[in-house]
Amino acid sequence: MSLALQVILMSDVAEDRATHPLKKRGSMSSLSSHEFRRKDIHGRTKDSMSTVSYMDEPSQRDDVSRLTVQMENTYQLGPTKHFPVVTVNHILKDVLTNYLQEEAYEPELCRQMAKTISEVIKARVKDFILPRYKLIVIIHIGQLSSQSIFIGSRCLWDPKTDTVSSYVFRNSSLFAVANVYAVYFE
């Protein structure tokens, strides 16, 4: 193998090694994206242009590393600050009143309103930034027409750390029940 061919092959290997970490980050041009001339094995001049527009597909190994959360042991068995039930009750009352005060019951509209209201409540409660509390927001909206309804829920519960906040709203044509469950994650 001639010395010129070895140099060309070695430079290609070095270039591949240098661009591999960059390829994983997204679309990019290779390090040799400019035009250059080099001689092939037979001594002829060869024009070449090299451009790379490529992104590696994420492997399963990358997905697993992104999903795993590394936390160190704190040996903390309970929350440093308890969930503010009274404040969350005020948030529930405020959001339900603002969104539903003038609304009439329409099934499609109420389905979308339940999703919107739950997201708004979750965002406002998350503003308290209580570490290790997992929030579950459930909204029920129904037509008010002389019927009764029982809503129940079950879960494993630690009464020392876990809590629930609830509010019932009524207007002339609909009712809404909002529950926010705060479960402490040890």
Foldseek 3Di string as FASTA:
>chain_A
DDPQVVVVVVVVVVQCVVCVVVQQVAFDFGPQQDWDWDADPVRDIDIDGGTTGHHDDDDVVNVVVVPDDDDDDPVDPAFPDAQDQVVLLVVLVVLCCVQPVPDADDPVVVVVVQVVSQVVSVVVSCVVVGPQKDKDKGKDKDWDDPDDDDDDDDDDDDVVHKDKHWDWDDDDTMIMIMMMIIGGHD
